[in-house]
Amino acid sequence: MYHQACCSGKAIMANTMPWNLRPAGASDLGKVNRVIETAIDTWQLPARVKRLSKPVYRYSERDLDFLDLVVAEAEDGGIVGVAAWEQAELSDAPAGRSALLLHGIYVAPDQHRKGVGTQLFEVTEKAASSRGLDGVLVKAQPGAQEFFFALGLERVPVEDHRRDYSHRFWKPVNGASDAAHGESGRSNH
């Protein structure tokens, strides 16, 4: 796991912001899931869909066996942001690439546009790089695409409409070049 392999200390990266980034543990899951639920409440979806979606997005202790989960923790101990990832299946990544699959970045609504999400994504990039992977893959909610474009991600073209999620984004790390692999940037396939 990322936090064991490269970040054995408590803090993950130097930070001048009013929060620290650190690996999440089982004791954090209640706060983590509250952040996720309040973030879902801001999505442009019908209320019924939000209510039915929340249980699917919650993390459990079992998830900690498979995912890396990082939190942004405020000075008062409150969790204001969460990111979760695992290595992507080869069939999900752009052709010939290895990737870290970002399951999500969730930020408490009162912390939006303060850099929390950006810092959580930067930690994700570092995790992909430290594992020697080619990049970060995201399957995002439609309303999050501008956030990911602002971070330098590009849309992954849909090749199989029955299989491919239509809001996939990709960012290479470790100097990987997408031009050689025919990536088409912000295409709207």
Protein backbone atom coordinates (compact mmCIF):
# COMPACT_ATOMS: atom_id res chain seq x y z
CA MET A 1 0.00 0.00 0.00
CA TYR A 2 1.12 3.53 -0.72
CA HIS A 3 1.40 4.78 2.84
CA GLN A 4 3.43 1.77 3.87
CA ALA A 5 5.71 1.77 0.83
CA CYS A 6 6.73 5.39 0.74
CA CYS A 7 5.28 7.32 3.63
CA SER A 8 5.85 5.49 6.88
CA GLY A 9 5.48 8.69 8.90
CA LYS A 10 2.24 10.34 9.91
CA ALA A 11 2.17 13.20 7.38
CA ILE A 12 2.36 12.42 3.68
CA MET A 13 3.70 15.69 2.31
CA ALA A 14 4.93 19.06 3.49
CA ASN A 15 2.00 21.38 3.70
CA THR A 16 1.49 25.09 4.17
CA MET A 17 -2.29 24.69 4.20
CA PRO A 18 -4.36 24.41 7.38
CA TRP A 19 -4.65 20.64 7.03
CA ASN A 20 -2.37 17.61 7.00
CA LEU A 21 -2.55 14.74 4.56
CA ARG A 22 -2.22 11.30 6.10
CA PRO A 23 -3.25 7.70 5.55
CA ALA A 24 -6.71 6.89 6.92
CA GLY A 25 -7.33 4.13 9.40
CA ALA A 26 -10.38 2.25 10.55
CA SER A 27 -11.03 4.81 13.30
CA ASP A 28 -11.41 7.52 10.61
CA LEU A 29 -14.15 5.78 8.62
CA GLY A 30 -17.08 7.51 10.33
CA LYS A 31 -15.66 10.96 9.56
CA VAL A 32 -14.57 9.87 6.08
CA ASN A 33 -18.06 8.66 5.21
CA ARG A 34 -19.64 11.88 6.51
CA VAL A 35 -17.37 13.91 4.19
CA ILE A 36 -18.34 11.66 1.29
CA GLU A 37 -22.04 12.02 2.02
CA THR A 38 -21.88 15.82 2.28
CA ALA A 39 -19.89 15.91 -0.97
CA ILE A 40 -22.52 13.76 -2.71
CA ASP A 41 -25.18 16.22 -1.54
CA THR A 42 -23.53 18.87 -3.77
CA TRP A 43 -23.71 16.74 -6.94
CA GLN A 44 -26.17 17.72 -9.66
CA LEU A 45 -28.38 14.66 -9.22
CA PRO A 46 -31.98 14.14 -8.13
CA ALA A 47 -32.36 13.80 -4.34
CA ARG A 48 -33.53 10.17 -4.66
CA VAL A 49 -30.43 9.23 -6.67
CA LYS A 50 -28.17 10.89 -4.08
CA ARG A 51 -29.92 9.03 -1.25
CA LEU A 52 -29.63 5.69 -3.02
CA SER A 53 -26.00 6.33 -4.02
CA LYS A 54 -24.59 7.15 -0.60
CA PRO A 55 -24.30 3.56 0.68
CA VAL A 56 -22.35 2.58 -2.44
CA TYR A 57 -19.75 5.31 -1.87
CA ARG A 58 -19.17 4.63 1.84
CA TYR A 59 -15.95 2.88 2.86
CA SER A 60 -15.66 0.03 5.36
CA GLU A 61 -12.77 -1.59 7.20
CA ARG A 62 -12.70 -4.26 4.50
CA ASP A 63 -12.02 -1.57 1.87
CA LEU A 64 -8.83 -0.66 3.72
CA ASP A 65 -7.48 -4.10 2.76
CA PHE A 66 -7.67 -3.19 -0.95
CA LEU A 67 -7.56 0.59 -1.23
CA ASP A 68 -5.22 3.33 -0.23
CA LEU A 69 -7.27 5.95 1.57
CA VAL A 70 -5.80 9.36 2.38
CA VAL A 71 -7.47 12.12 4.37
CA ALA A 72 -6.95 15.84 4.63
CA GLU A 73 -7.22 16.55 8.33
CA ALA A 74 -7.79 20.04 9.74
CA GLU A 75 -5.82 21.32 12.71
CA ASP A 76 -8.84 20.59 14.96
CA GLY A 77 -8.80 16.92 13.89
CA GLY A 78 -11.76 17.18 11.55
CA ILE A 79 -11.47 15.47 8.18
CA VAL A 80 -12.11 17.89 5.32
CA GLY A 81 -11.17 15.73 2.33
CA VAL A 82 -10.67 12.14 1.23
CA ALA A 83 -9.00 10.37 -1.70
CA ALA A 84 -9.05 6.65 -2.41
CA TRP A 85 -7.23 4.62 -5.05
CA GLU A 86 -5.98 1.21 -6.13
CA GLN A 87 -4.13 -0.17 -9.11
CA ALA A 88 -6.38 -0.16 -12.19
CA GLU A 89 -7.25 -3.24 -14.18
CA LEU A 90 -5.35 -3.25 -17.46
CA SER A 91 -8.67 -3.31 -19.34
CA ASP A 92 -9.65 0.03 -17.75
CA ALA A 93 -6.41 1.89 -18.48
CA PRO A 94 -5.58 3.42 -21.85
CA ALA A 95 -4.13 0.79 -24.21
CA GLY A 96 -0.71 -0.46 -23.17
CA ARG A 97 -0.68 1.58 -19.95
CA SER A 98 -0.52 0.82 -16.27
CA ALA A 99 -2.50 3.09 -14.01
CA LEU A 100 -3.60 3.96 -10.54
CA LEU A 101 -7.41 4.14 -10.46
CA LEU A 102 -8.59 7.09 -8.41
CA HIS A 103 -11.88 5.99 -6.87
CA GLY A 104 -12.69 9.48 -5.81
CA ILE A 105 -11.75 12.75 -4.24
CA TYR A 106 -14.35 14.05 -1.83
CA VAL A 107 -14.10 17.44 -0.17
CA ALA A 108 -16.35 18.89 2.52
CA PRO A 109 -18.54 21.55 0.86
CA ASP A 110 -17.24 24.36 3.12
CA GLN A 111 -13.71 23.54 1.93
CA HIS A 112 -14.41 23.64 -1.82
CA ARG A 113 -12.01 25.80 -3.88
CA LYS A 114 -9.41 25.97 -1.12
CA GLY A 115 -6.89 23.51 -2.58
CA VAL A 116 -7.88 20.38 -0.66
CA GLY A 117 -8.87 18.41 -3.76
CA THR A 118 -5.79 19.54 -5.65
CA GLN A 119 -3.48 18.40 -2.87
CA LEU A 120 -5.26 15.06 -2.63
CA PHE A 121 -4.82 14.58 -6.38
CA GLU A 122 -1.11 15.46 -6.13
CA VAL A 123 -0.70 12.71 -3.52
CA THR A 124 -2.42 10.32 -5.92
CA GLU A 125 0.03 11.27 -8.68
CA LYS A 126 2.96 10.68 -6.33
CA ALA A 127 1.56 7.27 -5.42
CA ALA A 128 1.32 6.31 -9.12
CA SER A 129 4.84 7.56 -9.75
CA SER A 130 6.31 5.76 -6.74
CA ARG A 131 4.76 2.48 -7.97
CA GLY A 132 6.30 2.97 -11.42
CA LEU A 133 2.90 3.24 -13.09
CA ASP A 134 2.28 5.21 -16.28
CA GLY A 135 -0.45 7.46 -14.92
CA VAL A 136 -3.64 8.13 -13.00
CA LEU A 137 -7.04 7.06 -14.31
CA VAL A 138 -10.27 8.60 -13.01
CA LYS A 139 -13.86 7.54 -13.53
CA ALA A 140 -15.54 10.80 -12.59
CA GLN A 141 -19.00 12.15 -12.07
CA PRO A 142 -20.01 14.35 -15.03
CA GLY A 143 -19.94 17.49 -12.86
CA ALA A 144 -16.30 16.92 -11.91
CA GLN A 145 -14.81 17.10 -15.39
CA GLU A 146 -13.74 20.77 -15.16
CA PHE A 147 -11.86 20.01 -11.92
CA PHE A 148 -9.95 17.21 -13.61
CA PHE A 149 -9.30 19.26 -16.77
CA ALA A 150 -7.87 22.03 -14.55
CA LEU A 151 -5.46 19.46 -13.05
CA GLY A 152 -4.21 18.54 -16.52
CA LEU A 153 -6.15 15.33 -17.09
CA GLU A 154 -7.50 14.45 -20.49
CA ARG A 155 -10.64 12.57 -21.43
CA VAL A 156 -10.07 8.93 -22.38
CA PRO A 157 -11.97 8.16 -25.59
CA VAL A 158 -14.78 5.63 -25.34
CA GLU A 159 -13.88 2.68 -27.52
CA ASP A 160 -16.62 0.27 -26.44
CA HIS A 161 -19.87 1.98 -25.39
CA ARG A 162 -21.09 -1.20 -23.69
CA ARG A 163 -17.98 -1.50 -21.50
CA ASP A 164 -16.29 1.90 -21.12
CA TYR A 165 -17.47 4.42 -18.58
CA SER A 166 -18.00 7.64 -20.52
CA HIS A 167 -16.37 10.03 -18.02
CA ARG A 168 -12.86 8.58 -17.79
CA PHE A 169 -9.87 10.87 -17.45
CA TRP A 170 -6.14 10.20 -17.66
CA LYS A 171 -2.97 11.94 -16.60
CA PRO A 172 0.47 10.47 -17.32
CA VAL A 173 3.20 10.49 -14.67
CA ASN A 174 6.91 9.64 -14.84
CA GLY A 175 7.30 11.42 -18.18
CA ALA A 176 4.89 9.09 -20.00
CA SER A 177 3.76 10.62 -23.28
CA ASP A 178 0.21 10.22 -24.52
CA ALA A 179 0.99 11.39 -28.07
CA ALA A 180 2.68 8.06 -28.80
CA HIS A 181 -0.46 6.19 -27.73
CA GLY A 182 -3.00 8.15 -29.75
CA GLU A 183 -4.77 9.82 -26.86
CA SER A 184 -7.09 12.51 -28.12
CA GLY A 185 -7.31 14.92 -25.22
CA ARG A 186 -10.64 16.56 -24.51
CA SER A 187 -12.62 14.56 -27.02
CA ASN A 188 -16.28 14.07 -26.28
CA HIS A 189 -16.73 10.53 -27.63
